[in-house]
Amino acid sequence: MINFSILIANYNNGKYFKECYHSLINQTYEDWQVIIVDDASTDNSVEVIQSLIGNDPRFKLYKNPVNKGCGFTKRECMKYAEGNLCAYLDPDDALYPEALEKTFNEFVEQDSLVAIYSQMMLCNENLIPEKVYASTKPIYNNRYFFNCPTQFAHFFVFKKEIYLRTSGINPSLKSAVDQDLYLKILEQGEIKYIKEPLYFYRLHSNGISQQSAKQSAKESFAKVIHETMKRRGIRKINNQPVPETFTNAQEIYELLNYQTNKMHRLISKIKVTLNNSI
């Protein structure tokens, strides 16, 4: 049984894939496979990927016959994953050489964990590191945590068996796909934070999370949060009723405004400290 499946949903990122590929073959941990699903790219992605992976049996490349979007493609990746542990890697990003080894060792030490996440390094378009993403911190995981404002992102490693207990990634989502995954996994048990960057995140104009797509992403994230509230059976947030149906993003974000105040953050920080000392 393979221990690690690295999952890559690609769309028109052929020009960036070389760094992603090299970060994988240079991992200090060696028991892994890579599942790549190309979402009907219109650039030379498939040719670039095939030329790099060659006949290496650790890499498997699949192709959507037509463009299906991020949610569908990431869900498709999971269909082919054979590893006990899974993690998504965007094709324009890269991993630190010790990323797999360090997360694997954490699971060995604490088998009850459902997922592990780390800090990530923000990089420029050439993948040159600029600064650690400041918002990734330890969290107090309860039913009222929605990762809003964002506290963790990449590198997120989860057990395949835990993913299979959930409804899986929503295939209709075009953005906020990772958030949907995080919140579903969080409902299944405890997670651990590694306070060091294990993931290089490339900032560039073509990225799905860049400025032109931010409004659409905010809308999708609000829908994901609302679905999460309903799934968790939450009828009220901070004494305010949760709407039965989603109408607009602002309504959802206003329900969570209290989570940004200093007292709430202080209480959460104390809970995290107490939780870690047990």
C-alpha atoms as a PDB file:
ATOM      1  CA  MET A   1       0.000   0.000   0.000  1.00  0.00           C
ATOM      2  CA  ILE A   2       1.326   3.425  -0.976  1.00  0.00           C
ATOM      3  CA  ASN A   3       1.512   5.834   1.938  1.00  0.00           C
ATOM      4  CA  PHE A   4       1.166   9.178   0.143  1.00  0.00           C
ATOM      5  CA  SER A   5      -0.959  10.367  -2.796  1.00  0.00           C
ATOM      6  CA  ILE A   6      -0.159  13.862  -4.027  1.00  0.00           C
ATOM      7  CA  LEU A   7      -3.116  15.180  -6.012  1.00  0.00           C
ATOM      8  CA  ILE A   8      -2.728  17.739  -8.804  1.00  0.00           C
ATOM      9  CA  ALA A   9      -5.661  19.279 -10.654  1.00  0.00           C
ATOM     10  CA  ASN A  10      -4.187  21.077 -13.656  1.00  0.00           C
ATOM     11  CA  TYR A  11      -5.620  23.665 -15.989  1.00  0.00           C
ATOM     12  CA  ASN A  12      -3.282  25.695 -18.229  1.00  0.00           C
ATOM     13  CA  ASN A  13      -0.336  25.659 -15.838  1.00  0.00           C
ATOM     14  CA  GLY A  14       2.133  23.964 -18.166  1.00  0.00           C
ATOM     15  CA  LYS A  15       4.595  26.866 -17.942  1.00  0.00           C
ATOM     16  CA  TYR A  16       4.900  26.426 -14.164  1.00  0.00           C
ATOM     17  CA  PHE A  17       4.828  22.642 -13.796  1.00  0.00           C
ATOM     18  CA  LYS A  18       8.591  22.066 -13.969  1.00  0.00           C
ATOM     19  CA  GLU A  19       9.224  23.475 -10.469  1.00  0.00           C
ATOM     20  CA  CYS A  20       6.285  21.485  -9.104  1.00  0.00           C
ATOM     21  CA  TYR A  21       7.670  18.292 -10.626  1.00  0.00           C
ATOM     22  CA  HIS A  22      11.211  18.810  -9.316  1.00  0.00           C
ATOM     23  CA  SER A  23       9.908  19.494  -5.805  1.00  0.00           C
ATOM     24  CA  LEU A  24       8.235  16.064  -5.892  1.00  0.00           C
ATOM     25  CA  ILE A  25      11.126  13.983  -7.156  1.00  0.00           C
ATOM     26  CA  ASN A  26      13.395  15.678  -4.578  1.00  0.00           C
ATOM     27  CA  GLN A  27      11.299  14.659  -1.560  1.00  0.00           C
ATOM     28  CA  THR A  28      13.258  13.130   1.335  1.00  0.00           C
ATOM     29  CA  TYR A  29      10.346  10.718   1.872  1.00  0.00           C
ATOM     30  CA  GLU A  30      10.097   8.196  -0.958  1.00  0.00           C
ATOM     31  CA  ASP A  31       6.835   6.226  -0.600  1.00  0.00           C
ATOM     32  CA  TRP A  32       4.501   8.338  -2.737  1.00  0.00           C
ATOM     33  CA  GLN A  33       2.520   8.539  -5.935  1.00  0.00           C
ATOM     34  CA  VAL A  34       1.278  11.571  -7.874  1.00  0.00           C
ATOM     35  CA  ILE A  35      -2.176  11.705  -9.439  1.00  0.00           C
ATOM     36  CA  ILE A  36      -2.577  14.416 -12.085  1.00  0.00           C
ATOM     37  CA  VAL A  37      -5.930  15.195 -13.689  1.00  0.00           C
ATOM     38  CA  ASP A  38      -5.817  17.717 -16.525  1.00  0.00           C
ATOM     39  CA  ASP A  39      -9.046  19.681 -16.981  1.00  0.00           C
ATOM     40  CA  ALA A  40      -8.969  19.944 -20.808  1.00  0.00           C
ATOM     41  CA  SER A  41      -6.152  22.530 -20.831  1.00  0.00           C
ATOM     42  CA  THR A  42      -5.848  24.753 -23.886  1.00  0.00           C
ATOM     43  CA  ASP A  43      -2.100  25.342 -23.462  1.00  0.00           C
ATOM     44  CA  ASN A  44       0.680  22.760 -23.833  1.00  0.00           C
ATOM     45  CA  SER A  45       0.186  21.414 -20.281  1.00  0.00           C
ATOM     46  CA  VAL A  46      -0.302  17.768 -21.249  1.00  0.00           C
ATOM     47  CA  GLU A  47       2.807  17.745 -23.450  1.00  0.00           C
ATOM     48  CA  VAL A  48       4.915  19.432 -20.761  1.00  0.00           C
ATOM     49  CA  ILE A  49       3.687  17.087 -18.029  1.00  0.00           C
ATOM     50  CA  GLN A  50       4.189  13.970 -20.166  1.00  0.00           C
ATOM     51  CA  SER A  51       7.713  15.039 -21.180  1.00  0.00           C
ATOM     52  CA  LEU A  52       8.691  15.507 -17.526  1.00  0.00           C
ATOM     53  CA  ILE A  53       7.100  12.423 -15.969  1.00  0.00           C
ATOM     54  CA  GLY A  54       8.067  10.109 -18.843  1.00  0.00           C
ATOM     55  CA  ASN A  55       7.504   6.484 -17.870  1.00  0.00           C
ATOM     56  CA  ASP A  56       7.970   7.072 -14.138  1.00  0.00           C
ATOM     57  CA  PRO A  57       5.386   4.696 -12.587  1.00  0.00           C
ATOM     58  CA  ARG A  58       4.975   6.997  -9.568  1.00  0.00           C
ATOM     59  CA  PHE A  59       3.126   9.497 -11.770  1.00  0.00           C
ATOM     60  CA  LYS A  60      -0.310   8.874 -13.272  1.00  0.00           C
ATOM     61  CA  LEU A  61      -1.884  11.366 -15.695  1.00  0.00           C
ATOM     62  CA  TYR A  62      -5.614  11.451 -16.476  1.00  0.00           C
ATOM     63  CA  LYS A  63      -7.550  13.876 -18.679  1.00  0.00           C
ATOM     64  CA  ASN A  64     -11.068  15.283 -18.536  1.00  0.00           C
ATOM     65  CA  PRO A  65     -12.541  15.102 -22.067  1.00  0.00           C
ATOM     66  CA  VAL A  66     -14.047  18.578 -21.593  1.00  0.00           C
ATOM     67  CA  ASN A  67     -13.404  21.368 -19.087  1.00  0.00           C
ATOM     68  CA  LYS A  68     -15.257  20.550 -15.851  1.00  0.00           C
ATOM     69  CA  GLY A  69     -13.906  23.080 -13.348  1.00  0.00           C
ATOM     70  CA  CYS A  70     -11.841  22.910 -10.185  1.00  0.00           C
ATOM     71  CA  GLY A  71     -14.289  21.098  -7.888  1.00  0.00           C
ATOM     72  CA  PHE A  72     -15.000  18.296 -10.338  1.00  0.00           C
ATOM     73  CA  THR A  73     -11.298  17.846 -11.176  1.00  0.00           C
ATOM     74  CA  LYS A  74     -10.121  17.783  -7.565  1.00  0.00           C
ATOM     75  CA  ARG A  75     -12.841  15.272  -6.713  1.00  0.00           C
ATOM     76  CA  GLU A  76     -11.723  13.213  -9.712  1.00  0.00           C
ATOM     77  CA  CYS A  77      -8.158  13.159  -8.321  1.00  0.00           C
ATOM     78  CA  MET A  78      -9.451  11.422  -5.195  1.00  0.00           C
ATOM     79  CA  LYS A  79     -11.005   8.668  -7.330  1.00  0.00           C
ATOM     80  CA  TYR A  80      -7.539   7.500  -8.343  1.00  0.00           C
ATOM     81  CA  ALA A  81      -5.721   8.066  -5.021  1.00  0.00           C
ATOM     82  CA  GLU A  82      -4.249   4.870  -3.564  1.00  0.00           C
ATOM     83  CA  GLY A  83      -2.373   6.370  -0.607  1.00  0.00           C
ATOM     84  CA  ASN A  84      -3.336   6.266   3.060  1.00  0.00           C
ATOM     85  CA  LEU A  85      -2.524   9.995   3.194  1.00  0.00           C
ATOM     86  CA  CYS A  86      -3.576  12.548   0.589  1.00  0.00           C
ATOM     87  CA  ALA A  87      -2.693  16.165  -0.115  1.00  0.00           C
ATOM     88  CA  TYR A  88      -3.422  18.589  -2.921  1.00  0.00           C
ATOM     89  CA  LEU A  89      -0.577  20.409  -4.642  1.00  0.00           C
ATOM     90  CA  ASP A  90      -1.393  23.077  -7.207  1.00  0.00           C
ATOM     91  CA  PRO A  91       0.632  22.655 -10.424  1.00  0.00           C
ATOM     92  CA  ASP A  92       2.001  26.200 -10.210  1.00  0.00           C
ATOM     93  CA  ASP A  93       3.247  25.674  -6.626  1.00  0.00           C
ATOM     94  CA  ALA A  94       5.876  23.419  -5.030  1.00  0.00           C
ATOM     95  CA  LEU A  95       6.733  21.534  -1.843  1.00  0.00           C
ATOM     96  CA  TYR A  96       9.684  21.880   0.501  1.00  0.00           C
ATOM     97  CA  PRO A  97      11.929  18.783   0.250  1.00  0.00           C
ATOM     98  CA  GLU A  98      10.936  17.562   3.749  1.00  0.00           C
ATOM     99  CA  ALA A  99       7.185  18.231   3.380  1.00  0.00           C
ATOM    100  CA  LEU A 100       6.076  14.608   3.069  1.00  0.00           C
ATOM    101  CA  GLU A 101       8.541  13.232   5.607  1.00  0.00           C
ATOM    102  CA  LYS A 102       7.617  15.747   8.306  1.00  0.00           C
ATOM    103  CA  THR A 103       3.866  15.282   7.932  1.00  0.00           C
ATOM    104  CA  PHE A 104       4.163  11.496   7.744  1.00  0.00           C
ATOM    105  CA  ASN A 105       6.173  11.439  10.991  1.00  0.00           C
ATOM    106  CA  GLU A 106       3.486  13.487  12.753  1.00  0.00           C
ATOM    107  CA  PHE A 107       0.840  10.930  11.802  1.00  0.00           C
ATOM    108  CA  VAL A 108       3.082   8.111  13.066  1.00  0.00           C
ATOM    109  CA  GLU A 109       3.452   9.906  16.419  1.00  0.00           C
ATOM    110  CA  GLN A 110      -0.283  10.603  16.743  1.00  0.00           C
ATOM    111  CA  ASP A 111      -2.355   8.142  14.756  1.00  0.00           C
ATOM    112  CA  SER A 112      -5.667   9.598  15.971  1.00  0.00           C
ATOM    113  CA  LEU A 113      -5.194  12.760  13.874  1.00  0.00           C
ATOM    114  CA  VAL A 114      -7.415  13.201  10.823  1.00  0.00           C
ATOM    115  CA  ALA A 115      -5.265  15.884   9.179  1.00  0.00           C
ATOM    116  CA  ILE A 116      -2.114  17.981   9.522  1.00  0.00           C
ATOM    117  CA  TYR A 117      -1.523  21.458   8.142  1.00  0.00           C
ATOM    118  CA  SER A 118       1.512  23.740   7.998  1.00  0.00           C
ATOM    119  CA  GLN A 119       2.512  27.266   7.195  1.00  0.00           C
ATOM    120  CA  MET A 120       3.130  28.243   3.587  1.00  0.00           C
ATOM    121  CA  MET A 121       5.714  30.495   1.972  1.00  0.00           C
ATOM    122  CA  LEU A 122       4.394  33.198  -0.348  1.00  0.00           C
ATOM    123  CA  CYS A 123       6.532  33.504  -3.482  1.00  0.00           C
ATOM    124  CA  ASN A 124       6.699  35.771  -6.504  1.00  0.00           C
ATOM    125  CA  GLU A 125       5.896  34.619 -10.034  1.00  0.00           C
ATOM    126  CA  ASN A 126       9.335  32.989 -10.313  1.00  0.00           C
ATOM    127  CA  LEU A 127       8.703  30.996  -7.122  1.00  0.00           C
ATOM    128  CA  ILE A 128      11.262  33.056  -5.204  1.00  0.00           C
ATOM    129  CA  PRO A 129      10.234  33.140  -1.512  1.00  0.00           C
ATOM    130  CA  GLU A 130       9.067  36.499  -0.181  1.00  0.00           C
ATOM    131  CA  LYS A 131       7.382  35.944   3.196  1.00  0.00           C
ATOM    132  CA  VAL A 132       5.542  33.368   5.291  1.00  0.00           C
ATOM    133  CA  TYR A 133       1.760  33.659   5.036  1.00  0.00           C
ATOM    134  CA  ALA A 134       1.000  35.302   8.377  1.00  0.00           C
ATOM    135  CA  SER A 135      -2.564  34.104   9.005  1.00  0.00           C
ATOM    136  CA  THR A 136      -1.839  30.379   9.341  1.00  0.00           C
ATOM    137  CA  LYS A 137      -2.013  29.605  13.060  1.00  0.00           C
ATOM    138  CA  PRO A 138      -3.094  26.862  15.464  1.00  0.00           C
ATOM    139  CA  ILE A 139      -6.882  26.690  15.615  1.00  0.00           C
ATOM    140  CA  TYR A 140      -9.455  25.648  18.184  1.00  0.00           C
ATOM    141  CA  ASN A 141     -11.464  23.126  16.213  1.00  0.00           C
ATOM    142  CA  ASN A 142     -15.156  23.190  17.092  1.00  0.00           C
ATOM    143  CA  ARG A 143     -18.423  23.349  15.142  1.00  0.00           C
ATOM    144  CA  TYR A 144     -18.261  27.174  15.018  1.00  0.00           C
ATOM    145  CA  PHE A 145     -14.875  27.305  13.296  1.00  0.00           C
ATOM    146  CA  PHE A 146     -15.307  28.147   9.588  1.00  0.00           C
ATOM    147  CA  ASN A 147     -11.772  29.213   8.632  1.00  0.00           C
ATOM    148  CA  CYS A 148     -13.105  32.739   8.151  1.00  0.00           C
ATOM    149  CA  PRO A 149     -11.036  34.862   8.044  1.00  0.00           C
ATOM    150  CA  THR A 150      -8.649  32.304   6.631  1.00  0.00           C
ATOM    151  CA  GLN A 151      -6.383  30.796   9.282  1.00  0.00           C
ATOM    152  CA  PHE A 152      -5.046  27.807   7.447  1.00  0.00           C
ATOM    153  CA  ALA A 153      -4.476  26.770   3.875  1.00  0.00           C
ATOM    154  CA  HIS A 154      -1.667  24.731   2.265  1.00  0.00           C
ATOM    155  CA  PHE A 155       0.034  22.367   3.165  1.00  0.00           C
ATOM    156  CA  PHE A 156      -3.009  20.262   4.206  1.00  0.00           C
ATOM    157  CA  VAL A 157      -2.571  16.482   4.495  1.00  0.00           C
ATOM    158  CA  PHE A 158      -5.533  14.252   5.366  1.00  0.00           C
ATOM    159  CA  LYS A 159      -6.263  10.556   5.736  1.00  0.00           C
ATOM    160  CA  LYS A 160      -8.041   8.986   2.789  1.00  0.00           C
ATOM    161  CA  GLU A 161     -10.259   6.919   5.112  1.00  0.00           C
ATOM    162  CA  ILE A 162     -11.420  10.149   6.781  1.00  0.00           C
ATOM    163  CA  TYR A 163     -12.228  11.781   3.426  1.00  0.00           C
ATOM    164  CA  LEU A 164     -14.361   8.752   2.521  1.00  0.00           C
ATOM    165  CA  ARG A 165     -16.498   9.356   5.615  1.00  0.00           C
ATOM    166  CA  THR A 166     -17.527  12.744   4.203  1.00  0.00           C
ATOM    167  CA  SER A 167     -19.614  13.597   1.141  1.00  0.00           C
ATOM    168  CA  GLY A 168     -16.327  14.539  -0.547  1.00  0.00           C
ATOM    169  CA  ILE A 169     -15.430  17.671  -2.477  1.00  0.00           C
ATOM    170  CA  ASN A 170     -18.425  19.406  -4.062  1.00  0.00           C
ATOM    171  CA  PRO A 171     -17.928  18.844  -7.826  1.00  0.00           C
ATOM    172  CA  SER A 172     -20.007  21.901  -8.765  1.00  0.00           C
ATOM    173  CA  LEU A 173     -17.655  24.359  -7.032  1.00  0.00           C
ATOM    174  CA  LYS A 174     -15.439  26.501  -9.253  1.00  0.00           C
ATOM    175  CA  SER A 175     -13.649  28.150  -6.307  1.00  0.00           C
ATOM    176  CA  ALA A 176     -13.435  27.750  -2.485  1.00  0.00           C
ATOM    177  CA  VAL A 177     -12.862  24.057  -3.236  1.00  0.00           C
ATOM    178  CA  ASP A 178     -10.107  23.704  -0.641  1.00  0.00           C
ATOM    179  CA  GLN A 179     -12.239  25.443   1.996  1.00  0.00           C
ATOM    180  CA  ASP A 180     -15.033  22.942   1.351  1.00  0.00           C
ATOM    181  CA  LEU A 181     -12.564  20.093   1.897  1.00  0.00           C
ATOM    182  CA  TYR A 182     -11.039  21.601   5.068  1.00  0.00           C
ATOM    183  CA  LEU A 183     -14.395  22.120   6.773  1.00  0.00           C
ATOM    184  CA  LYS A 184     -15.600  18.611   5.990  1.00  0.00           C
ATOM    185  CA  ILE A 185     -12.394  17.011   7.276  1.00  0.00           C
ATOM    186  CA  LEU A 186     -12.445  19.174  10.432  1.00  0.00           C
ATOM    187  CA  GLU A 187     -15.790  17.643  11.367  1.00  0.00           C
ATOM    188  CA  GLN A 188     -14.213  14.199  11.584  1.00  0.00           C
ATOM    189  CA  GLY A 189     -11.653  14.735  14.366  1.00  0.00           C
ATOM    190  CA  GLU A 190      -8.556  16.527  15.561  1.00  0.00           C
ATOM    191  CA  ILE A 191      -5.891  18.108  13.406  1.00  0.00           C
ATOM    192  CA  LYS A 192      -2.337  19.264  14.108  1.00  0.00           C
ATOM    193  CA  TYR A 193      -0.427  22.385  13.090  1.00  0.00           C
ATOM    194  CA  ILE A 194       3.227  22.376  11.994  1.00  0.00           C
ATOM    195  CA  LYS A 195       4.728  25.787  12.664  1.00  0.00           C
ATOM    196  CA  GLU A 196       6.998  25.967   9.654  1.00  0.00           C
ATOM    197  CA  PRO A 197       6.385  26.423   5.929  1.00  0.00           C
ATOM    198  CA  LEU A 198       6.281  23.220   3.896  1.00  0.00           C
ATOM    199  CA  TYR A 199       4.618  24.677   0.790  1.00  0.00           C
ATOM    200  CA  PHE A 200       5.738  27.278  -1.778  1.00  0.00           C
ATOM    201  CA  TYR A 201       2.694  29.287  -2.938  1.00  0.00           C
ATOM    202  CA  ARG A 202       3.217  31.199  -6.185  1.00  0.00           C
ATOM    203  CA  LEU A 203       1.510  34.582  -6.553  1.00  0.00           C
ATOM    204  CA  HIS A 204       0.849  35.416 -10.187  1.00  0.00           C
ATOM    205  CA  SER A 205      -1.751  37.083 -12.382  1.00  0.00           C
ATOM    206  CA  ASN A 206      -3.107  33.805 -13.774  1.00  0.00           C
ATOM    207  CA  GLY A 207      -3.842  32.228 -10.397  1.00  0.00           C
ATOM    208  CA  ILE A 208      -7.435  31.318  -9.599  1.00  0.00           C
ATOM    209  CA  SER A 209      -7.133  33.109  -6.255  1.00  0.00           C
ATOM    210  CA  GLN A 210      -5.835  36.381  -7.698  1.00  0.00           C
ATOM    211  CA  GLN A 211      -7.639  39.714  -7.819  1.00  0.00           C
ATOM    212  CA  SER A 212      -9.901  39.162 -10.833  1.00  0.00           C
ATOM    213  CA  ALA A 213     -11.445  36.056  -9.224  1.00  0.00           C
ATOM    214  CA  LYS A 214     -11.639  37.313  -5.633  1.00  0.00           C
ATOM    215  CA  GLN A 215     -15.292  38.406  -5.687  1.00  0.00           C
ATOM    216  CA  SER A 216     -16.430  35.117  -7.140  1.00  0.00           C
ATOM    217  CA  ALA A 217     -14.304  33.277  -4.556  1.00  0.00           C
ATOM    218  CA  LYS A 218     -15.888  35.264  -1.705  1.00  0.00           C
ATOM    219  CA  GLU A 219     -19.331  34.290  -2.960  1.00  0.00           C
ATOM    220  CA  SER A 220     -18.366  30.617  -3.233  1.00  0.00           C
ATOM    221  CA  PHE A 221     -16.741  30.617   0.200  1.00  0.00           C
ATOM    222  CA  ALA A 222     -19.897  32.110   1.740  1.00  0.00           C
ATOM    223  CA  LYS A 223     -21.975  29.349   0.113  1.00  0.00           C
ATOM    224  CA  VAL A 224     -19.565  26.720   1.482  1.00  0.00           C
ATOM    225  CA  ILE A 225     -19.859  28.228   4.983  1.00  0.00           C
ATOM    226  CA  HIS A 226     -23.648  28.291   4.772  1.00  0.00           C
ATOM    227  CA  GLU A 227     -23.731  24.647   3.644  1.00  0.00           C
ATOM    228  CA  THR A 228     -21.390  23.816   6.532  1.00  0.00           C
ATOM    229  CA  MET A 229     -23.687  25.527   9.048  1.00  0.00           C
ATOM    230  CA  LYS A 230     -26.639  23.537   7.717  1.00  0.00           C
ATOM    231  CA  ARG A 231     -24.663  20.280   7.684  1.00  0.00           C
ATOM    232  CA  ARG A 232     -23.610  20.842  11.297  1.00  0.00           C
ATOM    233  CA  GLY A 233     -27.190  21.590  12.337  1.00  0.00           C
ATOM    234  CA  ILE A 234     -26.377  25.129  13.463  1.00  0.00           C
ATOM    235  CA  ARG A 235     -29.530  27.252  13.670  1.00  0.00           C
ATOM    236  CA  LYS A 236     -28.031  30.291  15.388  1.00  0.00           C
ATOM    237  CA  ILE A 237     -24.631  31.989  15.328  1.00  0.00           C
ATOM    238  CA  ASN A 238     -23.932  34.443  18.145  1.00  0.00           C
ATOM    239  CA  ASN A 239     -27.723  34.596  18.824  1.00  0.00           C
ATOM    240  CA  GLN A 240     -28.430  35.461  15.179  1.00  0.00           C
ATOM    241  CA  PRO A 241     -30.516  33.037  13.067  1.00  0.00           C
ATOM    242  CA  VAL A 242     -28.806  31.178  10.236  1.00  0.00           C
ATOM    243  CA  PRO A 243     -30.826  31.754   7.043  1.00  0.00           C
ATOM    244  CA  GLU A 244     -32.663  28.690   5.742  1.00  0.00           C
ATOM    245  CA  THR A 245     -31.525  29.354   2.197  1.00  0.00           C
ATOM    246  CA  PHE A 246     -28.475  31.194   0.843  1.00  0.00           C
ATOM    247  CA  THR A 247     -29.315  34.581  -0.641  1.00  0.00           C
ATOM    248  CA  ASN A 248     -26.120  36.640  -0.496  1.00  0.00           C
ATOM    249  CA  ALA A 249     -22.555  36.404   0.787  1.00  0.00           C
ATOM    250  CA  GLN A 250     -22.730  39.492   2.988  1.00  0.00           C
ATOM    251  CA  GLU A 251     -25.471  37.941   5.118  1.00  0.00           C
ATOM    252  CA  ILE A 252     -23.200  34.991   5.938  1.00  0.00           C
ATOM    253  CA  TYR A 253     -20.099  37.077   6.631  1.00  0.00           C
ATOM    254  CA  GLU A 254     -22.060  39.363   8.958  1.00  0.00           C
ATOM    255  CA  LEU A 255     -22.983  36.318  11.055  1.00  0.00           C
ATOM    256  CA  LEU A 256     -19.273  35.727  11.623  1.00  0.00           C
ATOM    257  CA  ASN A 257     -18.155  39.303  12.343  1.00  0.00           C
ATOM    258  CA  TYR A 258     -17.939  38.563  16.065  1.00  0.00           C
ATOM    259  CA  GLN A 259     -15.114  36.083  15.388  1.00  0.00           C
ATOM    260  CA  THR A 260     -12.765  38.909  14.442  1.00  0.00           C
ATOM    261  CA  ASN A 261     -13.109  40.862  17.705  1.00  0.00           C
ATOM    262  CA  LYS A 262     -10.220  40.837  20.175  1.00  0.00           C
ATOM    263  CA  MET A 263     -12.058  39.064  22.997  1.00  0.00           C
ATOM    264  CA  HIS A 264     -13.149  36.178  20.787  1.00  0.00           C
ATOM    265  CA  ARG A 265      -9.611  35.801  19.422  1.00  0.00           C
ATOM    266  CA  LEU A 266      -8.158  35.877  22.931  1.00  0.00           C
ATOM    267  CA  ILE A 267     -10.567  33.187  24.146  1.00  0.00           C
ATOM    268  CA  SER A 268      -9.766  31.027  21.118  1.00  0.00           C
ATOM    269  CA  LYS A 269      -6.035  31.456  21.746  1.00  0.00           C
ATOM    270  CA  ILE A 270      -6.449  30.367  25.385  1.00  0.00           C
ATOM    271  CA  LYS A 271      -8.474  27.327  24.281  1.00  0.00           C
ATOM    272  CA  VAL A 272      -5.750  26.370  21.789  1.00  0.00           C
ATOM    273  CA  THR A 273      -3.064  26.697  24.487  1.00  0.00           C
ATOM    274  CA  LEU A 274      -5.061  24.614  26.969  1.00  0.00           C
ATOM    275  CA  ASN A 275      -5.841  22.011  24.310  1.00  0.00           C
ATOM    276  CA  ASN A 276      -2.157  21.671  23.401  1.00  0.00           C
ATOM    277  CA  SER A 277      -1.103  21.294  27.029  1.00  0.00           C
ATOM    278  CA  ILE A 278      -3.402  18.316  27.675  1.00  0.00           C
END
